[in-house]
N, C-alpha and C. Protein backbone atom coordinates (compact mmCIF):
# COMPACT_ATOMS: atom_id res chain seq x y z
N MET A 1 -26.10 -9.81 -12.03
CA MET A 1 -25.45 -9.87 -10.75
C MET A 1 -25.67 -7.75 -10.41
N ASP A 2 -26.25 -7.62 -9.22
CA ASP A 2 -26.78 -6.54 -8.74
C ASP A 2 -25.26 -5.77 -8.28
N TRP A 3 -25.26 -4.35 -8.11
CA TRP A 3 -24.56 -3.63 -8.16
C TRP A 3 -24.20 -3.71 -6.59
N HIS A 4 -24.37 -4.50 -5.60
CA HIS A 4 -23.72 -4.61 -3.97
C HIS A 4 -22.55 -5.54 -4.56
N SER A 5 -23.01 -6.73 -5.42
CA SER A 5 -22.20 -8.23 -5.35
C SER A 5 -21.10 -7.70 -6.24
N VAL A 6 -21.23 -6.70 -7.33
CA VAL A 6 -20.05 -6.07 -7.71
C VAL A 6 -19.07 -5.62 -6.83
N ALA A 7 -19.65 -4.62 -6.16
CA ALA A 7 -18.57 -3.57 -5.05
C ALA A 7 -17.88 -4.47 -3.84
N VAL A 8 -18.53 -5.79 -3.62
CA VAL A 8 -17.94 -6.58 -2.87
C VAL A 8 -17.22 -7.56 -3.51
N PHE A 9 -16.96 -8.12 -4.75
CA PHE A 9 -16.12 -8.61 -5.36
C PHE A 9 -15.07 -8.05 -5.82
N PHE A 10 -14.87 -6.45 -6.07
CA PHE A 10 -14.10 -5.56 -6.29
C PHE A 10 -13.26 -5.09 -5.47
N HIS A 11 -14.28 -5.15 -3.82
CA HIS A 11 -13.21 -4.65 -2.61
C HIS A 11 -12.07 -6.07 -2.55
N LEU A 12 -13.02 -6.99 -2.75
CA LEU A 12 -12.50 -8.38 -2.26
C LEU A 12 -11.23 -8.60 -3.13
N LEU A 13 -11.06 -8.10 -4.69
CA LEU A 13 -10.22 -8.29 -5.45
C LEU A 13 -8.87 -7.49 -5.28
N LEU A 14 -9.50 -6.08 -4.67
CA LEU A 14 -8.23 -5.54 -4.27
C LEU A 14 -7.64 -5.83 -2.77
N PHE A 15 -8.24 -6.57 -1.97
CA PHE A 15 -7.15 -7.31 -0.50
C PHE A 15 -6.45 -8.37 -1.19
N VAL A 16 -6.93 -9.51 -2.33
CA VAL A 16 -6.27 -10.34 -2.70
C VAL A 16 -5.03 -9.95 -3.56
N PHE A 17 -4.94 -9.31 -4.32
CA PHE A 17 -3.63 -8.35 -4.57
C PHE A 17 -2.88 -7.64 -4.32
N TRP A 18 -3.72 -6.80 -3.25
CA TRP A 18 -2.61 -6.16 -1.89
C TRP A 18 -2.04 -6.83 -1.39
N LEU A 19 -2.42 -7.61 -0.75
CA LEU A 19 -1.71 -8.63 0.02
C LEU A 19 -1.15 -9.70 0.02
N GLY A 20 -1.68 -10.70 -1.21
CA GLY A 20 -1.03 -11.62 -2.27
C GLY A 20 0.31 -11.37 -2.79
N THR A 21 0.22 -10.15 -3.56
CA THR A 21 1.23 -9.73 -4.39
C THR A 21 2.50 -9.61 -3.48
N ASP A 22 1.98 -8.51 -2.40
CA ASP A 22 2.76 -7.91 -1.54
C ASP A 22 3.81 -8.96 -0.50
N LEU A 23 3.16 -10.39 -0.94
CA LEU A 23 4.19 -11.35 -0.09
C LEU A 23 5.10 -11.77 -1.04
N GLY A 24 4.99 -11.73 -2.26
CA GLY A 24 6.26 -11.58 -3.09
C GLY A 24 7.08 -10.55 -3.30
N VAL A 25 6.71 -9.49 -3.17
CA VAL A 25 7.73 -8.24 -2.95
C VAL A 25 8.32 -8.28 -1.58
N PHE A 26 7.85 -8.98 -0.63
CA PHE A 26 8.64 -9.12 0.88
C PHE A 26 9.65 -10.80 0.89
N LEU A 27 9.33 -11.40 0.15
CA LEU A 27 9.92 -12.78 -0.19
C LEU A 27 11.76 -12.71 -1.59
N ALA A 28 10.71 -11.51 -1.88
CA ALA A 28 12.40 -11.23 -3.01
C ALA A 28 13.00 -10.43 -2.32
N ALA A 29 12.70 -9.46 -1.61
CA ALA A 29 13.91 -8.64 -0.71
C ALA A 29 14.34 -9.28 0.24
N LYS A 30 14.27 -10.38 0.88
CA LYS A 30 14.28 -11.76 1.66
C LYS A 30 15.60 -11.85 0.65
N ILE A 31 15.03 -12.59 -0.42
CA ILE A 31 16.06 -13.28 -1.08
C ILE A 31 17.36 -12.73 -1.53
N SER A 32 17.20 -11.35 -1.98
CA SER A 32 18.08 -9.96 -2.60
C SER A 32 19.39 -10.02 -1.16
N GLU A 33 19.16 -10.12 -0.01
CA GLU A 33 19.88 -10.13 0.95
C GLU A 33 20.88 -11.25 0.86
N ARG A 34 20.74 -12.44 0.32
CA ARG A 34 21.51 -13.39 0.16
C ARG A 34 22.72 -13.01 -0.18
N GLY A 35 23.74 -12.71 0.29
CA GLY A 35 25.56 -12.65 -0.26
C GLY A 35 25.94 -13.54 -0.99
N GLU A 36 25.36 -14.90 -0.57
CA GLU A 36 26.20 -15.72 -1.72
C GLU A 36 25.56 -16.01 -3.38
N LEU A 37 24.65 -15.44 -3.36
CA LEU A 37 24.09 -15.32 -4.39
C LEU A 37 24.99 -13.96 -5.52
N SER A 38 24.87 -14.47 -6.83
CA SER A 38 25.30 -12.99 -7.68
C SER A 38 24.75 -11.91 -7.74
N ASP A 39 25.48 -11.16 -7.90
CA ASP A 39 25.04 -9.63 -7.76
C ASP A 39 24.06 -9.38 -8.90
N GLU A 40 24.35 -10.04 -10.08
CA GLU A 40 23.01 -10.02 -11.03
C GLU A 40 21.95 -10.99 -10.89
N THR A 41 21.97 -11.86 -9.66
CA THR A 41 20.71 -12.76 -9.54
C THR A 41 19.99 -11.64 -8.68
N ARG A 42 20.98 -11.14 -7.61
CA ARG A 42 20.00 -10.32 -6.70
C ARG A 42 19.35 -9.45 -7.10
N GLY A 43 20.10 -8.45 -8.23
CA GLY A 43 19.42 -7.38 -8.26
C GLY A 43 18.19 -7.58 -9.37
N THR A 44 18.00 -8.73 -10.01
CA THR A 44 16.92 -9.64 -10.85
C THR A 44 15.88 -10.04 -10.29
N VAL A 45 16.03 -10.51 -8.68
CA VAL A 45 14.74 -11.15 -7.44
C VAL A 45 14.42 -9.70 -7.37
N LEU A 46 15.41 -9.03 -6.82
CA LEU A 46 14.94 -7.37 -6.29
C LEU A 46 14.37 -6.69 -7.16
N GLY A 47 14.25 -6.63 -8.52
CA GLY A 47 13.58 -6.12 -9.66
C GLY A 47 12.15 -6.58 -10.00
N LEU A 48 12.52 -8.06 -9.94
CA LEU A 48 11.07 -9.00 -9.89
C LEU A 48 9.77 -8.13 -8.60
N GLY A 49 10.56 -7.99 -7.59
CA GLY A 49 10.01 -7.59 -6.66
C GLY A 49 9.29 -6.31 -6.56
N MET A 50 10.11 -5.38 -7.40
CA MET A 50 9.39 -4.01 -7.41
C MET A 50 8.34 -3.91 -8.49
N VAL A 51 8.63 -4.91 -9.73
CA VAL A 51 7.39 -4.82 -10.71
C VAL A 51 6.05 -5.19 -10.09
N LEU A 52 5.92 -6.60 -9.01
CA LEU A 52 4.96 -6.97 -8.20
C LEU A 52 4.67 -5.98 -7.05
N ASP A 53 5.70 -5.00 -6.88
CA ASP A 53 5.00 -4.04 -5.93
C ASP A 53 4.12 -3.08 -6.88
N ARG A 54 4.02 -3.22 -7.88
CA ARG A 54 3.08 -2.03 -8.90
C ARG A 54 1.51 -2.36 -8.29
N LEU A 55 1.45 -3.63 -8.23
CA LEU A 55 0.06 -4.37 -7.55
C LEU A 55 -0.46 -4.02 -6.14
N PRO A 56 0.15 -4.01 -5.05
CA PRO A 56 -0.45 -3.05 -4.27
C PRO A 56 -0.29 -1.74 -3.74
N ARG A 57 0.21 -1.15 -4.64
CA ARG A 57 0.36 0.21 -4.84
C ARG A 57 -0.98 0.87 -5.66
N SER A 58 -0.79 -0.34 -6.64
CA SER A 58 -2.15 0.61 -7.52
C SER A 58 -3.57 -0.12 -6.25
N ALA A 59 -3.79 -1.20 -5.69
CA ALA A 59 -5.01 -1.04 -4.48
C ALA A 59 -5.12 -0.58 -4.05
N LEU A 60 -4.20 0.28 -3.33
CA LEU A 60 -3.70 1.05 -1.91
C LEU A 60 -4.70 2.42 -2.60
N ALA A 61 -4.53 2.50 -3.75
CA ALA A 61 -5.20 4.25 -4.41
C ALA A 61 -6.84 3.70 -4.67
N LEU A 62 -6.50 2.96 -4.63
CA LEU A 62 -8.30 2.47 -5.29
C LEU A 62 -8.99 1.95 -4.08
N ILE A 63 -8.29 2.01 -3.26
CA ILE A 63 -9.12 1.00 -1.51
C ILE A 63 -10.12 1.99 -1.26
N VAL A 64 -9.67 3.19 -1.19
CA VAL A 64 -10.73 4.37 -0.57
C VAL A 64 -12.21 4.78 -0.69
N PRO A 65 -11.91 4.40 -2.65
CA PRO A 65 -13.40 4.73 -2.89
C PRO A 65 -14.12 3.26 -3.14
N SER A 66 -13.62 2.29 -3.03
CA SER A 66 -13.81 0.90 -2.99
C SER A 66 -14.57 0.72 -1.93
N GLY A 67 -14.19 1.13 -0.64
CA GLY A 67 -14.96 0.69 0.52
C GLY A 67 -15.62 1.85 0.75
N VAL A 68 -15.42 2.97 -0.04
CA VAL A 68 -17.03 3.93 0.83
C VAL A 68 -17.70 3.60 -0.41
N GLU A 69 -17.52 2.96 -1.45
CA GLU A 69 -18.83 2.94 -2.03
C GLU A 69 -19.57 1.50 -1.77
N LEU A 70 -18.89 0.09 -1.29
CA LEU A 70 -19.28 -0.83 -0.67
C LEU A 70 -19.90 -0.58 0.38
N ALA A 71 -19.50 0.00 1.52
CA ALA A 71 -20.27 0.76 2.82
C ALA A 71 -21.59 1.36 2.43
N CYS A 72 -21.56 2.41 1.05
CA CYS A 72 -23.29 3.07 1.06
C CYS A 72 -23.64 2.06 0.10
N VAL A 73 -23.46 1.07 -0.81
CA VAL A 73 -24.29 -0.05 -1.51
C VAL A 73 -25.05 -0.50 -0.29
N SER A 74 -24.21 -1.41 0.89
CA SER A 74 -24.34 -1.91 1.65
C SER A 74 -25.49 -1.37 3.11
N GLY A 75 -25.49 0.16 2.45
CA GLY A 75 -26.31 0.48 3.47
C GLY A 75 -25.96 1.20 5.05
N HIS A 76 -24.44 1.20 5.25
CA HIS A 76 -23.61 1.23 6.54
C HIS A 76 -23.10 2.74 6.30
N LEU A 77 -23.43 3.29 5.58
CA LEU A 77 -22.68 4.81 5.45
C LEU A 77 -23.75 5.50 4.25
N GLU A 78 -23.66 6.94 4.57
CA GLU A 78 -24.66 7.93 3.68
C GLU A 78 -23.69 8.73 3.11
N THR A 79 -23.38 9.13 2.11
CA THR A 79 -22.64 9.93 1.29
C THR A 79 -23.57 10.65 -0.04
N SER A 80 -23.17 11.75 -0.49
CA SER A 80 -23.74 11.76 -1.88
C SER A 80 -23.27 11.22 -2.63
N LEU A 81 -23.44 11.06 -4.04
CA LEU A 81 -23.26 10.47 -5.00
C LEU A 81 -21.52 11.26 -5.65
N THR A 82 -22.21 12.82 -5.36
CA THR A 82 -20.91 13.72 -5.92
C THR A 82 -19.66 13.15 -5.11
N PHE A 83 -19.50 13.24 -3.83
CA PHE A 83 -18.45 12.81 -3.17
C PHE A 83 -18.00 11.38 -3.44
N ARG A 84 -18.85 10.17 -3.92
CA ARG A 84 -18.22 8.89 -4.61
C ARG A 84 -17.72 9.78 -5.36
N LEU A 85 -18.35 10.28 -6.53
CA LEU A 85 -18.09 10.28 -8.13
C LEU A 85 -16.34 11.07 -7.83
N THR A 86 -16.14 11.93 -6.94
CA THR A 86 -14.97 12.57 -6.70
C THR A 86 -13.64 11.91 -5.91
N LEU A 87 -14.23 10.64 -5.18
CA LEU A 87 -13.09 10.06 -4.63
C LEU A 87 -12.52 9.30 -5.74
N TRP A 88 -13.94 8.09 -6.84
CA TRP A 88 -13.02 7.70 -7.72
C TRP A 88 -12.08 8.45 -8.97
N VAL A 89 -12.95 9.91 -9.25
CA VAL A 89 -12.06 10.35 -10.47
C VAL A 89 -10.48 10.43 -9.59
N VAL A 90 -10.59 11.04 -8.36
CA VAL A 90 -8.93 11.31 -7.41
C VAL A 90 -8.35 9.97 -7.67
N ALA A 91 -9.32 8.80 -7.41
CA ALA A 91 -8.51 7.63 -7.28
C ALA A 91 -7.73 6.95 -8.68
N ILE A 92 -8.69 7.17 -9.77
CA ILE A 92 -8.27 7.01 -11.16
C ILE A 92 -7.16 7.78 -12.26
N LEU A 93 -7.28 9.22 -11.12
CA LEU A 93 -6.22 10.01 -12.01
C LEU A 93 -4.81 9.90 -11.01
N TRP A 94 -5.37 9.18 -9.45
CA TRP A 94 -3.61 8.95 -8.82
C TRP A 94 -2.97 7.23 -9.78
N LEU A 95 -4.08 6.55 -10.11
CA LEU A 95 -3.43 5.34 -10.59
C LEU A 95 -3.12 5.96 -11.83
N ALA A 96 -3.43 6.49 -12.84
CA ALA A 96 -2.91 6.53 -14.19
C ALA A 96 -1.32 7.71 -13.84
N ILE A 97 -1.11 8.36 -12.80
CA ILE A 97 0.07 9.24 -12.27
C ILE A 97 1.15 7.93 -12.18
N LEU A 98 0.69 7.06 -11.39
CA LEU A 98 1.42 5.90 -10.89
C LEU A 98 1.71 5.06 -11.77
N TRP A 99 1.10 4.83 -12.60
CA TRP A 99 1.58 3.75 -13.85
C TRP A 99 2.36 4.42 -14.88
N SER A 100 2.07 5.64 -14.90
CA SER A 100 2.66 6.58 -16.28
C SER A 100 4.20 6.45 -15.20
N GLY A 101 4.54 6.65 -14.27
CA GLY A 101 5.72 6.33 -13.70
C GLY A 101 6.28 4.79 -13.59
N PHE A 102 5.29 4.07 -13.35
CA PHE A 102 5.79 2.51 -14.12
C PHE A 102 6.13 2.17 -15.12
N LEU A 103 5.45 3.07 -16.32
CA LEU A 103 6.31 2.38 -17.28
C LEU A 103 7.29 3.18 -18.04
N ASN A 104 7.53 4.03 -17.06
CA ASN A 104 8.62 5.13 -17.67
C ASN A 104 10.16 4.94 -16.56
N PRO A 105 10.46 4.13 -15.75
CA PRO A 105 11.40 3.85 -15.21
C PRO A 105 12.58 4.98 -15.50
N GLN A 106 13.44 4.93 -14.15
CA GLN A 106 14.98 5.98 -14.50
C GLN A 106 14.21 7.15 -14.93
N THR A 107 13.19 7.68 -14.83
CA THR A 107 13.27 8.94 -16.10
C THR A 107 12.61 9.94 -14.89
N LYS A 108 12.52 11.38 -15.23
CA LYS A 108 11.63 12.66 -14.00
C LYS A 108 10.16 12.16 -14.49
N THR A 109 9.54 11.11 -15.23
CA THR A 109 8.33 10.77 -14.85
C THR A 109 8.28 10.18 -13.93
N GLU A 110 8.68 9.02 -13.68
CA GLU A 110 8.80 8.00 -12.60
C GLU A 110 8.71 8.46 -11.33
N GLU A 111 9.97 9.62 -11.28
CA GLU A 111 10.18 10.70 -10.16
C GLU A 111 9.61 11.73 -9.73
N ARG A 112 8.58 12.55 -10.45
CA ARG A 112 7.43 12.68 -10.42
C ARG A 112 6.22 12.07 -9.85
N ALA A 113 6.26 10.76 -10.57
CA ALA A 113 5.00 9.63 -10.20
C ALA A 113 5.05 9.42 -8.70
N MET A 114 6.37 8.93 -8.14
CA MET A 114 6.65 8.76 -6.89
C MET A 114 6.52 9.39 -5.93
N LEU A 115 7.13 10.90 -6.11
CA LEU A 115 6.71 12.04 -5.33
C LEU A 115 5.25 12.36 -5.22
N PHE A 116 4.75 11.77 -6.24
CA PHE A 116 2.96 12.10 -6.20
C PHE A 116 2.83 11.01 -5.21
N ASN A 117 3.02 9.99 -5.14
CA ASN A 117 2.28 8.94 -4.58
C ASN A 117 2.49 9.22 -3.01
N PHE A 118 4.12 9.64 -2.98
CA PHE A 118 3.91 10.00 -1.41
C PHE A 118 3.39 10.90 -1.16
N VAL A 119 2.88 11.80 -1.63
CA VAL A 119 2.18 12.86 -1.30
C VAL A 119 0.92 12.42 -0.93
N MET A 120 -0.01 11.57 -1.61
CA MET A 120 -1.36 11.59 -1.62
C MET A 120 -0.97 10.37 -0.71
N ASN A 121 -0.52 9.47 -0.27
CA ASN A 121 -0.39 8.39 0.72
C ASN A 121 -0.21 9.58 1.89
N ALA A 122 0.59 10.67 2.22
CA ALA A 122 0.76 10.88 3.46
C ALA A 122 -0.63 12.28 3.39
N VAL A 123 -1.50 12.61 2.82
CA VAL A 123 -2.40 13.27 2.77
C VAL A 123 -3.37 12.22 3.30
N LEU A 124 -3.41 11.13 2.65
CA LEU A 124 -4.71 10.20 2.97
C LEU A 124 -4.64 9.44 4.50
N ALA A 125 -3.02 9.62 4.72
CA ALA A 125 -2.91 9.32 6.12
C ALA A 125 -3.67 9.91 7.46
N LEU A 126 -3.41 11.45 6.91
CA LEU A 126 -4.26 12.61 7.79
C LEU A 126 -5.50 12.32 7.61
N VAL A 127 -5.93 12.54 6.36
CA VAL A 127 -7.58 12.58 6.37
C VAL A 127 -8.56 11.47 6.62
N VAL A 128 -7.77 9.76 6.59
CA VAL A 128 -8.37 8.76 6.92
C VAL A 128 -7.92 8.35 8.00
N SER A 129 -7.28 8.63 8.79
CA SER A 129 -6.86 8.63 10.35
C SER A 129 -7.75 9.35 10.93
N ALA A 130 -8.01 10.57 10.69
CA ALA A 130 -8.58 11.87 11.05
C ALA A 130 -10.26 11.49 11.14
N ALA A 131 -10.72 10.59 9.78
CA ALA A 131 -12.07 10.57 9.45
C ALA A 131 -12.26 9.26 10.39
N GLY A 132 -11.77 8.33 10.50
CA GLY A 132 -11.38 6.81 11.29
C GLY A 132 -12.10 7.69 13.09
N ILE A 133 -11.34 8.21 13.58
CA ILE A 133 -11.21 8.92 15.01
C ILE A 133 -12.87 9.34 15.23
N TYR A 134 -12.96 10.32 13.98
CA TYR A 134 -14.16 11.20 14.27
C TYR A 134 -15.17 10.64 14.40
N LEU A 135 -15.54 9.31 13.52
CA LEU A 135 -16.49 8.47 13.17
C LEU A 135 -16.41 7.71 14.46
N LEU A 136 -15.44 7.18 15.55
CA LEU A 136 -15.18 6.58 16.51
C LEU A 136 -16.08 7.44 17.59
N PHE A 137 -15.62 8.57 17.24
CA PHE A 137 -16.51 9.21 18.45
C PHE A 137 -17.80 10.00 18.45
N VAL A 138 -17.89 10.44 17.32
CA VAL A 138 -19.49 10.63 16.92
C VAL A 138 -20.05 9.72 16.80
N GLY A 139 -19.92 8.54 16.71
CA GLY A 139 -21.12 7.23 16.47
C GLY A 139 -21.76 7.41 15.72
N GLU A 140 -21.56 8.02 14.53
CA GLU A 140 -22.59 8.07 13.44
C GLU A 140 -22.84 6.74 12.58
N VAL A 141 -21.76 5.94 12.72
CA VAL A 141 -21.77 4.66 11.72
C VAL A 141 -21.53 3.44 12.85
N ALA A 142 -21.73 2.50 12.37
CA ALA A 142 -21.23 1.16 13.13
C ALA A 142 -19.71 1.38 13.44
N ALA A 143 -19.72 0.56 14.88
CA ALA A 143 -17.90 1.10 15.70
C ALA A 143 -17.65 0.29 15.03
N TRP A 144 -17.75 -0.58 14.15
CA TRP A 144 -16.54 -1.87 13.17
C TRP A 144 -16.62 -1.13 12.27
N LEU A 145 -17.53 -0.71 11.20
CA LEU A 145 -16.86 0.84 10.53
C LEU A 145 -16.19 1.54 10.59
N ALA A 146 -16.39 2.64 11.68
CA ALA A 146 -15.40 3.59 12.28
C ALA A 146 -14.03 2.99 12.42
N LEU A 147 -14.15 1.74 13.43
CA LEU A 147 -12.76 1.31 13.44
C LEU A 147 -12.06 1.05 12.10
N LYS A 148 -12.64 0.20 10.94
CA LYS A 148 -11.86 -0.21 9.81
C LYS A 148 -11.74 1.38 9.08
N VAL A 149 -12.16 2.17 9.36
CA VAL A 149 -11.71 3.80 8.48
C VAL A 149 -10.59 3.96 9.65
N THR A 150 -10.47 4.14 10.44
CA THR A 150 -8.97 4.06 11.62
C THR A 150 -8.16 2.99 11.06
N VAL A 151 -7.73 1.80 10.92
CA VAL A 151 -6.75 0.85 10.33
C VAL A 151 -7.03 1.07 9.17
N VAL A 152 -7.66 1.52 8.32
CA VAL A 152 -6.99 2.16 6.87
C VAL A 152 -6.07 3.22 7.02
N GLY A 153 -6.42 3.98 7.71
CA GLY A 153 -5.48 5.53 7.83
C GLY A 153 -4.50 4.94 8.72
N LEU A 154 -4.23 4.07 9.17
CA LEU A 154 -2.92 3.74 10.11
C LEU A 154 -1.91 2.80 8.87
N ILE A 155 -2.97 2.37 7.88
CA ILE A 155 -2.04 1.11 6.86
C ILE A 155 -1.65 2.86 6.20
N PHE A 156 -2.11 3.68 5.30
CA PHE A 156 -1.60 5.04 5.22
C PHE A 156 -0.58 5.37 5.22
N VAL A 157 -0.76 5.44 6.69
CA VAL A 157 0.65 6.09 7.79
C VAL A 157 1.74 4.90 7.58
N CYS A 158 1.44 4.10 7.65
CA CYS A 158 2.68 2.75 7.15
C CYS A 158 3.37 3.10 5.92
N GLY A 159 2.37 3.45 4.84
CA GLY A 159 2.48 3.53 3.60
C GLY A 159 3.93 4.58 3.30
N VAL A 160 3.66 5.78 4.07
CA VAL A 160 4.66 6.97 4.32
C VAL A 160 5.82 6.59 4.93
N LEU A 161 5.65 5.78 5.84
CA LEU A 161 6.98 5.66 6.72
C LEU A 161 7.63 4.17 5.59
N LEU A 162 7.05 3.23 4.94
CA LEU A 162 7.66 2.28 3.87
C LEU A 162 8.07 3.41 3.34
N ASP A 163 7.82 4.23 2.47
CA ASP A 163 8.71 4.75 1.46
C ASP A 163 9.67 5.60 1.79
N ALA A 164 10.19 6.18 2.89
CA ALA A 164 10.61 6.59 3.72
C ALA A 164 12.54 5.69 4.18
N LEU A 165 11.86 4.56 4.68
CA LEU A 165 12.58 3.36 4.88
C LEU A 165 13.23 2.90 3.57
N PHE A 166 12.43 2.73 2.73
CA PHE A 166 12.77 2.40 1.91
C PHE A 166 14.18 2.58 0.70
N LYS A 167 14.00 3.97 0.94
CA LYS A 167 15.22 5.06 0.18
C LYS A 167 16.30 4.60 0.43
N PRO A 168 16.87 4.48 1.81
CA PRO A 168 18.41 4.11 2.47
C PRO A 168 18.80 2.91 1.90
N ALA A 169 17.61 1.67 1.92
CA ALA A 169 17.74 0.32 1.43
C ALA A 169 18.11 0.33 -0.02
N VAL A 170 17.54 1.09 -1.07
CA VAL A 170 17.63 1.41 -2.20
C VAL A 170 19.17 1.60 -2.46
N GLU A 171 19.48 2.27 -1.89
CA GLU A 171 20.41 3.64 -2.36
C GLU A 171 21.98 2.51 -1.61
N ALA A 172 21.47 1.25 -0.51
CA ALA A 172 22.33 0.47 -0.07
C ALA A 172 22.73 -0.50 -1.40
N PHE A 173 21.51 -0.86 -1.71
CA PHE A 173 21.74 -2.23 -2.79
C PHE A 173 21.94 -1.70 -3.89
N VAL A 174 22.04 -0.37 -4.34
CA VAL A 174 22.90 0.35 -5.57
C VAL A 174 24.09 0.33 -5.53
N ALA A 175 24.92 0.24 -4.57
CA ALA A 175 25.94 0.51 -3.92
C ALA A 175 26.41 -0.94 -4.47
N ILE A 176 25.66 -2.22 -3.84
CA ILE A 176 26.05 -3.27 -3.97
C ILE A 176 26.48 -3.44 -5.86
N THR A 177 25.21 -3.02 -6.76
CA THR A 177 25.37 -3.58 -7.65
C THR A 177 26.66 -2.66 -8.73
N THR A 178 26.83 -1.66 -8.06
CA THR A 178 27.47 -0.84 -8.98
C THR A 178 28.94 -1.22 -8.55
N THR A 179 29.49 -1.23 -6.87
CA THR A 179 30.79 -1.80 -7.07
C THR A 179 31.08 -3.39 -6.54
N GLY A 180 29.92 -3.69 -6.71
CA GLY A 180 30.31 -5.50 -6.26
C GLY A 180 30.00 -5.66 -4.82
N ALA A 181 29.40 -6.98 -4.31
CA ALA A 181 29.48 -7.00 -3.09
C ALA A 181 29.82 -7.20 -2.26
N THR A 182 30.12 -7.12 -0.92
CA THR A 182 31.21 -7.05 -0.02
C THR A 182 30.25 -6.95 1.13
N ASP A 183 31.43 -7.94 2.16
CA ASP A 183 30.50 -8.01 3.94
C ASP A 183 29.90 -6.81 3.98
N ASP A 184 30.64 -5.75 4.59
CA ASP A 184 30.46 -4.29 4.68
C ASP A 184 29.08 -3.82 3.88
N LEU A 185 29.00 -4.24 2.32
CA LEU A 185 27.86 -3.10 1.82
C LEU A 185 26.85 -4.27 2.36
N ASN A 186 27.03 -5.47 2.16
CA ASN A 186 25.89 -6.56 2.31
C ASN A 186 25.44 -6.00 4.24
N ALA A 187 26.36 -5.93 4.90
CA ALA A 187 25.54 -5.51 6.30
C ALA A 187 24.90 -4.45 6.17
N ARG A 188 25.39 -3.52 5.08
CA ARG A 188 24.75 -2.11 5.36
C ARG A 188 23.32 -2.35 4.76
N TYR A 189 23.16 -3.04 3.92
CA TYR A 189 21.64 -3.10 3.07
C TYR A 189 20.92 -4.10 3.99
N SER A 190 21.57 -5.09 4.49
CA SER A 190 20.53 -5.87 5.72
C SER A 190 20.09 -4.72 6.85
N LYS A 191 21.33 -3.96 7.11
CA LYS A 191 20.57 -3.15 8.23
C LYS A 191 19.50 -2.37 8.06
N ALA A 192 19.82 -1.63 6.42
CA ALA A 192 18.75 -0.62 6.11
C ALA A 192 17.40 -1.67 5.77
N ILE A 193 17.24 -2.53 5.37
CA ILE A 193 15.95 -2.88 5.00
C ILE A 193 15.31 -3.69 6.40
N GLY A 194 15.96 -3.77 7.06
CA GLY A 194 15.49 -4.12 8.26
C GLY A 194 14.27 -3.58 9.17
N PRO A 195 14.31 -2.11 9.02
CA PRO A 195 13.06 -1.67 9.29
C PRO A 195 12.08 -1.56 8.28
N VAL A 196 12.33 -1.97 7.48
CA VAL A 196 10.99 -2.02 5.85
C VAL A 196 10.42 -2.86 6.39
N TYR A 197 10.99 -4.14 6.59
CA TYR A 197 10.15 -5.68 6.73
C TYR A 197 9.42 -5.74 8.44
N VAL A 198 9.83 -4.57 9.21
CA VAL A 198 8.75 -4.75 10.39
C VAL A 198 7.38 -3.72 9.70
N VAL A 199 7.97 -2.56 9.27
CA VAL A 199 6.74 -2.00 9.16
C VAL A 199 5.60 -2.94 7.75
N VAL A 200 6.17 -3.21 7.13
CA VAL A 200 5.55 -4.47 6.17
C VAL A 200 4.69 -5.21 7.17
N LEU A 201 5.15 -6.03 7.98
CA LEU A 201 4.32 -6.73 8.67
C LEU A 201 3.36 -5.84 9.71
N VAL A 202 3.31 -4.90 10.21
CA VAL A 202 2.33 -3.78 10.78
C VAL A 202 1.44 -3.81 9.75
N ILE A 203 1.99 -3.99 8.45
CA ILE A 203 0.80 -3.45 7.32
C ILE A 203 -0.18 -4.57 7.16
N TYR A 204 0.26 -5.87 6.77
CA TYR A 204 0.04 -7.27 6.57
C TYR A 204 -1.24 -7.21 8.14
N VAL A 205 -0.46 -6.79 8.96
CA VAL A 205 -1.51 -7.03 10.44
C VAL A 205 -2.55 -6.00 9.88
N PHE A 206 -2.80 -4.69 9.58
CA PHE A 206 -3.75 -3.94 9.49
C PHE A 206 -4.78 -4.23 8.47
N VAL A 207 -3.79 -4.62 7.64
CA VAL A 207 -4.91 -5.29 6.56
C VAL A 207 -5.70 -6.56 6.93
N LEU A 208 -5.26 -7.28 7.64
CA LEU A 208 -5.85 -8.61 8.14
C LEU A 208 -6.95 -8.01 9.01
N ILE A 209 -6.74 -7.40 9.69
CA ILE A 209 -7.72 -6.62 10.75
C ILE A 209 -9.07 -6.08 10.32
N ALA A 210 -8.39 -4.82 9.10
CA ALA A 210 -9.06 -4.30 8.67
C ALA A 210 -10.48 -5.47 7.44
N ALA A 211 -9.74 -6.66 7.38
CA ALA A 211 -10.91 -7.54 6.34
C ALA A 211 -11.41 -8.20 7.25
N TRP A 212 -10.96 -8.69 8.65
CA TRP A 212 -11.97 -9.01 9.52
C TRP A 212 -13.12 -8.06 9.75
N LEU A 213 -13.04 -6.90 10.22
CA LEU A 213 -13.94 -6.19 10.32
C LEU A 213 -14.88 -5.92 9.09
N GLY A 214 -14.47 -6.13 8.16
CA GLY A 214 -15.32 -6.01 6.91
C GLY A 214 -16.24 -7.03 6.92
N VAL A 215 -15.58 -8.49 7.45
CA VAL A 215 -16.66 -9.44 7.14
C VAL A 215 -17.10 -9.99 8.58
N SER A 216 -16.90 -9.74 9.56
CA SER A 216 -17.70 -10.01 10.63
C SER A 216 -18.21 -8.82 10.93
N LYS A 217 -18.09 -7.87 10.88
CA LYS A 217 -19.02 -6.40 11.20
C LYS A 217 -19.17 -6.28 12.78
N VAL A 218 -18.03 -7.26 13.41
CA VAL A 218 -18.10 -6.35 14.82
C VAL A 218 -16.52 -6.37 15.15
N PRO A 219 -16.63 -5.34 15.97
CA PRO A 219 -15.07 -4.83 16.32
C PRO A 219 -14.50 -5.87 17.14
N VAL A 220 -12.69 -5.89 16.87
CA VAL A 220 -12.03 -6.99 17.05
C VAL A 220 -11.53 -6.83 18.39
C-alpha cells in the first residue's frame, strides 16, 4: 500500500468518525430533552453523548494535518516537510491534552484541557479561514481546494460557537439533575440547547460540502 492510499484512508476515517459519532451526540442531546424520562435516564443518555463527543473532537484536531498531507501527496499542494511535520506534532500534542481532559473528568486537568481546546479552535478558525480566503484570491491552488480550506475554517468557527453556546445548556441540565426536573427547568434547557442544534446542523452541512469538494474536485 502506497503513502497516498494511506493518506486517503486516514482522511476518510476521520470523516466517518467525525460525522458518524456526532450524529449520536445529536440524538443523545435530543433524547435528553424528553421530560417524561427520569432524571437519571436523561443524565445517562446525555453522558453517553458526551463520551461519543470525544471522537469528533479528536477528528477535528487531526483534520488539518491529515488534509494537508493528502493534498501534498496527491500533488495538489506544495509545502515543506518541516511544515507538515510541525502540523502533525501540534495536532498530536493537542490530541494528547484533549484526552488527558477526557480521562480526568471534573478535575482541573479537564478544565485546562477544554480551555486549551477552545483556544485551538479559535486560533484555527482565524488561521484556516484566512488561509482559505487567501488561496481563493491568489489562485495558487485549484479553486476546489481553496474553497475546501475555507469551508474547514468555517467549521472551526462553528466549533467555537458550539462550545460557547453549549455551556448554558450544560448549566441548565445540571440544574435539572441537581434539583429535579420541573416544567420551567425543562423549558430553560430546551431553550438553551436549541441554538446548539442549529450550529451542529450547519457543521454537518459544511462537513458534507468539504467531503464533496475533496471527492469531486470541482467547486459546488
